[in-house]
Amino acid sequence: MADIHILPVQRKRGRRRTNPVAGAATASILNFDAGNRLETPEQRLARIDEAMNRMARALLTAVRVTREVAKIANPDSSLAE
Protein backbone atom coordinates (compact mmCIF):
# COMPACT_ATOMS: atom_id res chain seq x y z
CA MET A 1 0.00 0.00 0.00
CA ALA A 2 2.89 2.37 0.49
CA ASP A 3 3.67 2.23 -3.25
CA ILE A 4 0.25 3.66 -4.28
CA HIS A 5 0.16 7.40 -4.86
CA ILE A 6 -2.87 9.50 -5.78
CA LEU A 7 -2.14 12.65 -7.74
CA PRO A 8 -4.67 15.49 -7.73
CA VAL A 9 -6.04 15.92 -11.25
CA GLN A 10 -8.30 18.74 -12.36
CA ARG A 11 -11.47 18.02 -14.27
CA LYS A 12 -11.08 18.13 -18.04
CA ARG A 13 -12.25 21.29 -19.73
CA GLY A 14 -15.15 21.15 -22.11
CA ARG A 15 -18.88 20.89 -21.88
CA ARG A 16 -20.31 21.20 -18.41
CA ARG A 17 -21.94 18.18 -16.93
CA THR A 18 -25.67 18.60 -16.91
CA ASN A 19 -28.46 16.49 -15.56
CA PRO A 20 -31.73 16.23 -17.47
CA VAL A 21 -34.65 18.11 -15.98
CA ALA A 22 -37.16 15.67 -14.54
CA GLY A 23 -40.42 15.66 -16.45
CA ALA A 24 -39.15 17.85 -19.29
CA ALA A 25 -40.26 16.91 -22.77
CA THR A 26 -37.66 15.96 -25.33
CA ALA A 27 -38.13 17.27 -28.85
CA SER A 28 -37.49 15.28 -31.97
CA ILE A 29 -37.85 17.57 -34.97
CA LEU A 30 -36.65 15.36 -37.79
CA ASN A 31 -35.25 11.89 -37.42
CA PHE A 32 -32.79 11.15 -40.20
CA ASP A 33 -31.58 7.93 -38.64
CA ALA A 34 -28.62 6.48 -40.50
CA GLY A 35 -29.31 3.12 -38.86
CA ASN A 36 -31.98 2.27 -41.44
CA ARG A 37 -29.90 0.25 -43.88
CA LEU A 38 -32.88 -0.73 -46.07
CA GLU A 39 -33.34 2.82 -47.32
CA THR A 40 -31.66 3.74 -50.61
CA PRO A 41 -29.99 7.13 -51.08
CA GLU A 42 -32.80 8.12 -53.46
CA GLN A 43 -35.43 7.28 -50.83
CA ARG A 44 -33.54 9.22 -48.19
CA LEU A 45 -33.23 12.23 -50.52
CA ALA A 46 -36.97 12.07 -51.26
CA ARG A 47 -37.75 11.93 -47.52
CA ILE A 48 -35.49 14.90 -46.76
CA ASP A 49 -36.93 16.81 -49.73
CA GLU A 50 -40.48 16.23 -48.45
CA ALA A 51 -39.45 17.42 -44.97
CA MET A 52 -37.96 20.57 -46.48
CA ASN A 53 -41.16 21.19 -48.45
CA ARG A 54 -43.26 20.81 -45.29
CA MET A 55 -40.99 23.24 -43.47
CA ALA A 56 -41.16 25.77 -46.33
CA ARG A 57 -44.97 25.56 -46.39
CA ALA A 58 -45.08 26.10 -42.61
CA LEU A 59 -42.81 29.16 -42.90
CA LEU A 60 -44.93 30.57 -45.72
CA THR A 61 -48.06 30.10 -43.61
CA ALA A 62 -46.36 31.87 -40.69
CA VAL A 63 -45.46 34.84 -42.92
CA ARG A 64 -49.01 35.05 -44.25
CA VAL A 65 -50.48 34.96 -40.74
CA THR A 66 -48.03 37.64 -39.57
CA ARG A 67 -49.05 39.90 -42.46
CA GLU A 68 -52.77 39.38 -41.75
CA VAL A 69 -52.28 40.19 -38.07
CA ALA A 70 -50.28 43.29 -39.02
CA LYS A 71 -53.10 44.43 -41.34
CA ILE A 72 -55.63 44.09 -38.53
CA ALA A 73 -53.45 45.63 -35.82
CA ASN A 74 -52.03 48.52 -37.84
CA PRO A 75 -53.22 49.03 -41.43
CA ASP A 76 -50.50 51.66 -42.02
CA SER A 77 -47.69 49.28 -41.08
CA SER A 78 -45.07 48.29 -43.64
CA LEU A 79 -45.85 44.63 -42.84
CA ALA A 80 -49.45 45.14 -43.96
CA GLU A 81 -48.45 45.59 -47.61
PDB file of N, CA and C in Angstrom:
ATOM      1  N   MET A   1       0.807  -1.194   0.000  1.00  0.00           N
ATOM      2  CA  MET A   1       0.000   0.000   0.000  1.00  0.00           C
ATOM      3  C   MET A   1       0.852   1.261   0.000  1.00  0.00           C
ATOM      4  N   ALA A   2       2.050   1.186   0.427  1.00  0.00           N
ATOM      5  CA  ALA A   2       2.895   2.368   0.486  1.00  0.00           C
ATOM      6  C   ALA A   2       3.346   2.796  -0.906  1.00  0.00           C
ATOM      7  N   ASP A   3       3.236   1.898  -1.901  1.00  0.00           N
ATOM      8  CA  ASP A   3       3.667   2.233  -3.250  1.00  0.00           C
ATOM      9  C   ASP A   3       2.573   2.932  -4.069  1.00  0.00           C
ATOM     10  N   ILE A   4       1.357   3.048  -3.540  1.00  0.00           N
ATOM     11  CA  ILE A   4       0.251   3.659  -4.278  1.00  0.00           C
ATOM     12  C   ILE A   4       0.199   5.142  -3.964  1.00  0.00           C
ATOM     13  N   HIS A   5       0.229   5.952  -5.029  1.00  0.00           N
ATOM     14  CA  HIS A   5       0.156   7.403  -4.863  1.00  0.00           C
ATOM     15  C   HIS A   5      -1.040   7.924  -5.652  1.00  0.00           C
ATOM     16  N   ILE A   6      -1.742   8.876  -5.103  1.00  0.00           N
ATOM     17  CA  ILE A   6      -2.871   9.504  -5.779  1.00  0.00           C
ATOM     18  C   ILE A   6      -2.492  10.938  -6.065  1.00  0.00           C
ATOM     19  N   LEU A   7      -2.485  11.291  -7.352  1.00  0.00           N
ATOM     20  CA  LEU A   7      -2.144  12.645  -7.743  1.00  0.00           C
ATOM     21  C   LEU A   7      -3.430  13.442  -7.962  1.00  0.00           C
ATOM     22  N   PRO A   8      -3.476  14.681  -7.489  1.00  0.00           N
ATOM     23  CA  PRO A   8      -4.669  15.494  -7.731  1.00  0.00           C
ATOM     24  C   PRO A   8      -4.736  15.890  -9.209  1.00  0.00           C
ATOM     25  N   VAL A   9      -5.859  15.624  -9.838  1.00  0.00           N
ATOM     26  CA  VAL A   9      -6.040  15.924 -11.254  1.00  0.00           C
ATOM     27  C   VAL A   9      -7.290  16.785 -11.398  1.00  0.00           C
ATOM     28  N   GLN A  10      -7.147  17.889 -12.132  1.00  0.00           N
ATOM     29  CA  GLN A  10      -8.305  18.742 -12.357  1.00  0.00           C
ATOM     30  C   GLN A  10      -9.225  18.113 -13.392  1.00  0.00           C
ATOM     31  N   ARG A  11     -10.496  18.515 -13.322  1.00  0.00           N
ATOM     32  CA  ARG A  11     -11.466  18.018 -14.274  1.00  0.00           C
ATOM     33  C   ARG A  11     -11.142  18.545 -15.671  1.00  0.00           C
ATOM     34  N   LYS A  12     -11.357  17.719 -16.667  1.00  0.00           N
ATOM     35  CA  LYS A  12     -11.075  18.134 -18.041  1.00  0.00           C
ATOM     36  C   LYS A  12     -11.997  19.276 -18.446  1.00  0.00           C
ATOM     37  N   ARG A  13     -11.455  20.186 -19.233  1.00  0.00           N
ATOM     38  CA  ARG A  13     -12.254  21.292 -19.732  1.00  0.00           C
ATOM     39  C   ARG A  13     -13.155  20.799 -20.853  1.00  0.00           C
ATOM     40  N   GLY A  14     -14.224  21.530 -21.053  1.00  0.00           N
ATOM     41  CA  GLY A  14     -15.153  21.150 -22.110  1.00  0.00           C
ATOM     42  C   GLY A  14     -16.569  21.445 -21.681  1.00  0.00           C
ATOM     43  N   ARG A  15     -17.477  20.669 -22.177  1.00  0.00           N
ATOM     44  CA  ARG A  15     -18.882  20.888 -21.875  1.00  0.00           C
ATOM     45  C   ARG A  15     -19.174  20.569 -20.415  1.00  0.00           C
ATOM     46  N   ARG A  16     -19.957  21.427 -19.807  1.00  0.00           N
ATOM     47  CA  ARG A  16     -20.311  21.197 -18.414  1.00  0.00           C
ATOM     48  C   ARG A  16     -21.191  19.969 -18.296  1.00  0.00           C
ATOM     49  N   ARG A  17     -21.086  19.329 -17.184  1.00  0.00           N
ATOM     50  CA  ARG A  17     -21.938  18.176 -16.933  1.00  0.00           C
ATOM     51  C   ARG A  17     -23.318  18.681 -16.543  1.00  0.00           C
ATOM     52  N   THR A  18     -24.304  18.185 -17.213  1.00  0.00           N
ATOM     53  CA  THR A  18     -25.668  18.603 -16.905  1.00  0.00           C
ATOM     54  C   THR A  18     -26.525  17.376 -16.664  1.00  0.00           C
ATOM     55  N   ASN A  19     -27.496  17.551 -15.822  1.00  0.00           N
ATOM     56  CA  ASN A  19     -28.459  16.493 -15.563  1.00  0.00           C
ATOM     57  C   ASN A  19     -29.764  16.865 -16.249  1.00  0.00           C
ATOM     58  N   PRO A  20     -30.462  15.901 -16.824  1.00  0.00           N
ATOM     59  CA  PRO A  20     -31.728  16.225 -17.465  1.00  0.00           C
ATOM     60  C   PRO A  20     -32.756  16.685 -16.437  1.00  0.00           C
ATOM     61  N   VAL A  21     -33.603  17.611 -16.855  1.00  0.00           N
ATOM     62  CA  VAL A  21     -34.650  18.111 -15.977  1.00  0.00           C
ATOM     63  C   VAL A  21     -35.744  17.058 -15.913  1.00  0.00           C
ATOM     64  N   ALA A  22     -36.137  16.702 -14.717  1.00  0.00           N
ATOM     65  CA  ALA A  22     -37.160  15.674 -14.542  1.00  0.00           C
ATOM     66  C   ALA A  22     -38.492  16.158 -15.103  1.00  0.00           C
ATOM     67  N   GLY A  23     -39.116  15.340 -15.909  1.00  0.00           N
ATOM     68  CA  GLY A  23     -40.424  15.661 -16.454  1.00  0.00           C
ATOM     69  C   GLY A  23     -40.400  16.556 -17.669  1.00  0.00           C
ATOM     70  N   ALA A  24     -39.229  16.977 -18.116  1.00  0.00           N
ATOM     71  CA  ALA A  24     -39.148  17.848 -19.288  1.00  0.00           C
ATOM     72  C   ALA A  24     -39.334  17.023 -20.557  1.00  0.00           C
ATOM     73  N   ALA A  25     -40.024  17.611 -21.506  1.00  0.00           N
ATOM     74  CA  ALA A  25     -40.264  16.914 -22.770  1.00  0.00           C
ATOM     75  C   ALA A  25     -39.024  16.997 -23.650  1.00  0.00           C
ATOM     76  N   THR A  26     -38.757  15.945 -24.369  1.00  0.00           N
ATOM     77  CA  THR A  26     -37.657  15.961 -25.327  1.00  0.00           C
ATOM     78  C   THR A  26     -38.250  16.133 -26.717  1.00  0.00           C
ATOM     79  N   ALA A  27     -37.611  16.961 -27.517  1.00  0.00           N
ATOM     80  CA  ALA A  27     -38.128  17.265 -28.851  1.00  0.00           C
ATOM     81  C   ALA A  27     -37.364  16.475 -29.897  1.00  0.00           C
ATOM     82  N   SER A  28     -38.085  15.947 -30.826  1.00  0.00           N
ATOM     83  CA  SER A  28     -37.488  15.277 -31.973  1.00  0.00           C
ATOM     84  C   SER A  28     -38.077  15.918 -33.213  1.00  0.00           C
ATOM     85  N   ILE A  29     -37.323  16.814 -33.847  1.00  0.00           N
ATOM     86  CA  ILE A  29     -37.852  17.572 -34.974  1.00  0.00           C
ATOM     87  C   ILE A  29     -37.880  16.697 -36.226  1.00  0.00           C
ATOM     88  N   LEU A  30     -36.748  16.264 -36.649  1.00  0.00           N
ATOM     89  CA  LEU A  30     -36.653  15.362 -37.790  1.00  0.00           C
ATOM     90  C   LEU A  30     -35.721  14.227 -37.411  1.00  0.00           C
ATOM     91  N   ASN A  31     -36.073  13.039 -37.760  1.00  0.00           N
ATOM     92  CA  ASN A  31     -35.247  11.895 -37.422  1.00  0.00           C
ATOM     93  C   ASN A  31     -34.689  11.307 -38.711  1.00  0.00           C
ATOM     94  N   PHE A  32     -33.474  11.706 -39.041  1.00  0.00           N
ATOM     95  CA  PHE A  32     -32.794  11.154 -40.197  1.00  0.00           C
ATOM     96  C   PHE A  32     -31.817  10.094 -39.697  1.00  0.00           C
ATOM     97  N   ASP A  33     -32.366   8.997 -39.243  1.00  0.00           N
ATOM     98  CA  ASP A  33     -31.579   7.934 -38.642  1.00  0.00           C
ATOM     99  C   ASP A  33     -30.776   7.208 -39.722  1.00  0.00           C
ATOM    100  N   ALA A  34     -29.473   7.177 -39.538  1.00  0.00           N
ATOM    101  CA  ALA A  34     -28.615   6.476 -40.496  1.00  0.00           C
ATOM    102  C   ALA A  34     -28.625   4.977 -40.250  1.00  0.00           C
ATOM    103  N   GLY A  35     -29.276   4.534 -39.187  1.00  0.00           N
ATOM    104  CA  GLY A  35     -29.314   3.122 -38.865  1.00  0.00           C
ATOM    105  C   GLY A  35     -30.228   2.316 -39.768  1.00  0.00           C
ATOM    106  N   ASN A  36     -31.080   2.970 -40.545  1.00  0.00           N
ATOM    107  CA  ASN A  36     -31.984   2.267 -41.444  1.00  0.00           C
ATOM    108  C   ASN A  36     -31.218   1.891 -42.707  1.00  0.00           C
ATOM    109  N   ARG A  37     -30.736   0.681 -42.763  1.00  0.00           N
ATOM    110  CA  ARG A  37     -29.897   0.248 -43.884  1.00  0.00           C
ATOM    111  C   ARG A  37     -30.725  -0.172 -45.100  1.00  0.00           C
ATOM    112  N   LEU A  38     -32.050  -0.311 -44.958  1.00  0.00           N
ATOM    113  CA  LEU A  38     -32.882  -0.731 -46.070  1.00  0.00           C
ATOM    114  C   LEU A  38     -33.251   0.430 -46.983  1.00  0.00           C
ATOM    115  N   GLU A  39     -32.971   1.639 -46.557  1.00  0.00           N
ATOM    116  CA  GLU A  39     -33.337   2.824 -47.323  1.00  0.00           C
ATOM    117  C   GLU A  39     -32.235   3.157 -48.336  1.00  0.00           C
ATOM    118  N   THR A  40     -32.634   3.371 -49.576  1.00  0.00           N
ATOM    119  CA  THR A  40     -31.661   3.735 -50.610  1.00  0.00           C
ATOM    120  C   THR A  40     -31.377   5.232 -50.518  1.00  0.00           C
ATOM    121  N   PRO A  41     -30.274   5.684 -51.089  1.00  0.00           N
ATOM    122  CA  PRO A  41     -29.987   7.128 -51.082  1.00  0.00           C
ATOM    123  C   PRO A  41     -31.089   7.949 -51.745  1.00  0.00           C
ATOM    124  N   GLU A  42     -31.712   7.400 -52.788  1.00  0.00           N
ATOM    125  CA  GLU A  42     -32.800   8.116 -53.457  1.00  0.00           C
ATOM    126  C   GLU A  42     -34.005   8.270 -52.533  1.00  0.00           C
ATOM    127  N   GLN A  43     -34.312   7.212 -51.777  1.00  0.00           N
ATOM    128  CA  GLN A  43     -35.430   7.283 -50.832  1.00  0.00           C
ATOM    129  C   GLN A  43     -35.134   8.284 -49.724  1.00  0.00           C
ATOM    130  N   ARG A  44     -33.914   8.268 -49.248  1.00  0.00           N
ATOM    131  CA  ARG A  44     -33.536   9.219 -48.194  1.00  0.00           C
ATOM    132  C   ARG A  44     -33.630  10.658 -48.710  1.00  0.00           C
ATOM    133  N   LEU A  45     -33.145  10.893 -49.929  1.00  0.00           N
ATOM    134  CA  LEU A  45     -33.228  12.226 -50.519  1.00  0.00           C
ATOM    135  C   LEU A  45     -34.683  12.659 -50.680  1.00  0.00           C
ATOM    136  N   ALA A  46     -35.546  11.748 -51.108  1.00  0.00           N
ATOM    137  CA  ALA A  46     -36.966  12.071 -51.261  1.00  0.00           C
ATOM    138  C   ALA A  46     -37.590  12.403 -49.911  1.00  0.00           C
ATOM    139  N   ARG A  47     -37.214  11.671 -48.867  1.00  0.00           N
ATOM    140  CA  ARG A  47     -37.752  11.925 -47.524  1.00  0.00           C
ATOM    141  C   ARG A  47     -37.283  13.280 -47.001  1.00  0.00           C
ATOM    142  N   ILE A  48     -36.016  13.601 -47.201  1.00  0.00           N
ATOM    143  CA  ILE A  48     -35.485  14.895 -46.761  1.00  0.00           C
ATOM    144  C   ILE A  48     -36.121  16.022 -47.570  1.00  0.00           C
ATOM    145  N   ASP A  49     -36.305  15.797 -48.879  1.00  0.00           N
ATOM    146  CA  ASP A  49     -36.934  16.811 -49.732  1.00  0.00           C
ATOM    147  C   ASP A  49     -38.366  17.089 -49.275  1.00  0.00           C
ATOM    148  N   GLU A  50     -39.112  16.051 -48.934  1.00  0.00           N
ATOM    149  CA  GLU A  50     -40.480  16.234 -48.448  1.00  0.00           C
ATOM    150  C   GLU A  50     -40.491  16.986 -47.120  1.00  0.00           C
ATOM    151  N   ALA A  51     -39.538  16.692 -46.244  1.00  0.00           N
ATOM    152  CA  ALA A  51     -39.454  17.416 -44.968  1.00  0.00           C
ATOM    153  C   ALA A  51     -39.140  18.889 -45.202  1.00  0.00           C
ATOM    154  N   MET A  52     -38.278  19.180 -46.155  1.00  0.00           N
ATOM    155  CA  MET A  52     -37.956  20.573 -46.481  1.00  0.00           C
ATOM    156  C   MET A  52     -39.176  21.288 -47.063  1.00  0.00           C
ATOM    157  N   ASN A  53     -39.941  20.592 -47.901  1.00  0.00           N
ATOM    158  CA  ASN A  53     -41.161  21.188 -48.453  1.00  0.00           C
ATOM    159  C   ASN A  53     -42.175  21.493 -47.357  1.00  0.00           C
ATOM    160  N   ARG A  54     -42.342  20.564 -46.407  1.00  0.00           N
ATOM    161  CA  ARG A  54     -43.265  20.809 -45.287  1.00  0.00           C
ATOM    162  C   ARG A  54     -42.817  22.012 -44.476  1.00  0.00           C
ATOM    163  N   MET A  55     -41.512  22.122 -44.239  1.00  0.00           N
ATOM    164  CA  MET A  55     -40.988  23.244 -43.471  1.00  0.00           C
ATOM    165  C   MET A  55     -41.194  24.559 -44.226  1.00  0.00           C
ATOM    166  N   ALA A  56     -40.968  24.558 -45.535  1.00  0.00           N
ATOM    167  CA  ALA A  56     -41.160  25.769 -46.333  1.00  0.00           C
ATOM    168  C   ALA A  56     -42.624  26.199 -46.329  1.00  0.00           C
ATOM    169  N   ARG A  57     -43.545  25.226 -46.438  1.00  0.00           N
ATOM    170  CA  ARG A  57     -44.969  25.564 -46.387  1.00  0.00           C
ATOM    171  C   ARG A  57     -45.349  26.137 -45.033  1.00  0.00           C
ATOM    172  N   ALA A  58     -44.786  25.588 -43.957  1.00  0.00           N
ATOM    173  CA  ALA A  58     -45.079  26.100 -42.615  1.00  0.00           C
ATOM    174  C   ALA A  58     -44.552  27.523 -42.450  1.00  0.00           C
ATOM    175  N   LEU A  59     -43.356  27.800 -42.973  1.00  0.00           N
ATOM    176  CA  LEU A  59     -42.809  29.157 -42.896  1.00  0.00           C
ATOM    177  C   LEU A  59     -43.641  30.139 -43.714  1.00  0.00           C
ATOM    178  N   LEU A  60     -44.091  29.718 -44.891  1.00  0.00           N
ATOM    179  CA  LEU A  60     -44.932  30.573 -45.717  1.00  0.00           C
ATOM    180  C   LEU A  60     -46.251  30.884 -45.011  1.00  0.00           C
ATOM    181  N   THR A  61     -46.827  29.884 -44.372  1.00  0.00           N
ATOM    182  CA  THR A  61     -48.057  30.103 -43.608  1.00  0.00           C
ATOM    183  C   THR A  61     -47.814  31.082 -42.470  1.00  0.00           C
ATOM    184  N   ALA A  62     -46.679  30.952 -41.789  1.00  0.00           N
ATOM    185  CA  ALA A  62     -46.362  31.867 -40.686  1.00  0.00           C
ATOM    186  C   ALA A  62     -46.217  33.303 -41.185  1.00  0.00           C
ATOM    187  N   VAL A  63     -45.606  33.487 -42.348  1.00  0.00           N
ATOM    188  CA  VAL A  63     -45.461  34.836 -42.917  1.00  0.00           C
ATOM    189  C   VAL A  63     -46.822  35.405 -43.279  1.00  0.00           C
ATOM    190  N   ARG A  64     -47.665  34.582 -43.882  1.00  0.00           N
ATOM    191  CA  ARG A  64     -49.008  35.051 -44.252  1.00  0.00           C
ATOM    192  C   ARG A  64     -49.821  35.447 -43.025  1.00  0.00           C
ATOM    193  N   VAL A  65     -49.747  34.642 -41.975  1.00  0.00           N
ATOM    194  CA  VAL A  65     -50.479  34.956 -40.741  1.00  0.00           C
ATOM    195  C   VAL A  65     -49.949  36.241 -40.127  1.00  0.00           C
ATOM    196  N   THR A  66     -48.633  36.416 -40.127  1.00  0.00           N
ATOM    197  CA  THR A  66     -48.035  37.636 -39.571  1.00  0.00           C
ATOM    198  C   THR A  66     -48.511  38.864 -40.333  1.00  0.00           C
ATOM    199  N   ARG A  67     -48.573  38.767 -41.647  1.00  0.00           N
ATOM    200  CA  ARG A  67     -49.054  39.898 -42.456  1.00  0.00           C
ATOM    201  C   ARG A  67     -50.526  40.197 -42.177  1.00  0.00           C
ATOM    202  N   GLU A  68     -51.345  39.171 -42.036  1.00  0.00           N
ATOM    203  CA  GLU A  68     -52.766  39.382 -41.750  1.00  0.00           C
ATOM    204  C   GLU A  68     -52.959  40.036 -40.386  1.00  0.00           C
ATOM    205  N   VAL A  69     -52.198  39.588 -39.400  1.00  0.00           N
ATOM    206  CA  VAL A  69     -52.285  40.194 -38.066  1.00  0.00           C
ATOM    207  C   VAL A  69     -51.818  41.641 -38.123  1.00  0.00           C
ATOM    208  N   ALA A  70     -50.771  41.915 -38.894  1.00  0.00           N
ATOM    209  CA  ALA A  70     -50.276  43.289 -39.021  1.00  0.00           C
ATOM    210  C   ALA A  70     -51.315  44.181 -39.690  1.00  0.00           C
ATOM    211  N   LYS A  71     -52.041  43.646 -40.682  1.00  0.00           N
ATOM    212  CA  LYS A  71     -53.095  44.426 -41.337  1.00  0.00           C
ATOM    213  C   LYS A  71     -54.198  44.795 -40.354  1.00  0.00           C
ATOM    214  N   ILE A  72     -54.558  43.841 -39.498  1.00  0.00           N
ATOM    215  CA  ILE A  72     -55.625  44.086 -38.528  1.00  0.00           C
ATOM    216  C   ILE A  72     -55.152  45.049 -37.446  1.00  0.00           C
ATOM    217  N   ALA A  73     -53.954  44.829 -36.936  1.00  0.00           N
ATOM    218  CA  ALA A  73     -53.445  45.633 -35.820  1.00  0.00           C
ATOM    219  C   ALA A  73     -53.110  47.052 -36.248  1.00  0.00           C
ATOM    220  N   ASN A  74     -52.455  47.197 -37.396  1.00  0.00           N
ATOM    221  CA  ASN A  74     -52.032  48.519 -37.843  1.00  0.00           C
ATOM    222  C   ASN A  74     -52.045  48.545 -39.374  1.00  0.00           C
ATOM    223  N   PRO A  75     -53.125  49.045 -39.963  1.00  0.00           N
ATOM    224  CA  PRO A  75     -53.216  49.034 -41.432  1.00  0.00           C
ATOM    225  C   PRO A  75     -52.140  49.866 -42.125  1.00  0.00           C
ATOM    226  N   ASP A  76     -51.531  50.812 -41.421  1.00  0.00           N
ATOM    227  CA  ASP A  76     -50.498  51.660 -42.023  1.00  0.00           C
ATOM    228  C   ASP A  76     -49.099  51.071 -41.889  1.00  0.00           C
ATOM    229  N   SER A  77     -48.987  49.902 -41.299  1.00  0.00           N
ATOM    230  CA  SER A  77     -47.685  49.276 -41.076  1.00  0.00           C
ATOM    231  C   SER A  77     -47.075  48.813 -42.397  1.00  0.00           C
ATOM    232  N   SER A  78     -45.753  48.774 -42.434  1.00  0.00           N
ATOM    233  CA  SER A  78     -45.066  48.288 -43.639  1.00  0.00           C
ATOM    234  C   SER A  78     -45.275  46.781 -43.817  1.00  0.00           C
ATOM    235  N   LEU A  79     -45.584  46.062 -42.734  1.00  0.00           N
ATOM    236  CA  LEU A  79     -45.847  44.629 -42.842  1.00  0.00           C
ATOM    237  C   LEU A  79     -47.204  44.350 -43.476  1.00  0.00           C
ATOM    238  N   ALA A  80     -48.100  45.337 -43.454  1.00  0.00           N
ATOM    239  CA  ALA A  80     -49.455  45.141 -43.960  1.00  0.00           C
ATOM    240  C   ALA A  80     -49.535  45.238 -45.477  1.00  0.00           C
ATOM    241  N   GLU A  81     -48.434  45.441 -46.143  1.00  0.00           N
ATOM    242  CA  GLU A  81     -48.446  45.589 -47.608  1.00  0.00           C
ATOM    243  C   GLU A  81     -48.662  44.271 -48.289  1.00  0.00           C
TER     244      GLU A  81
END
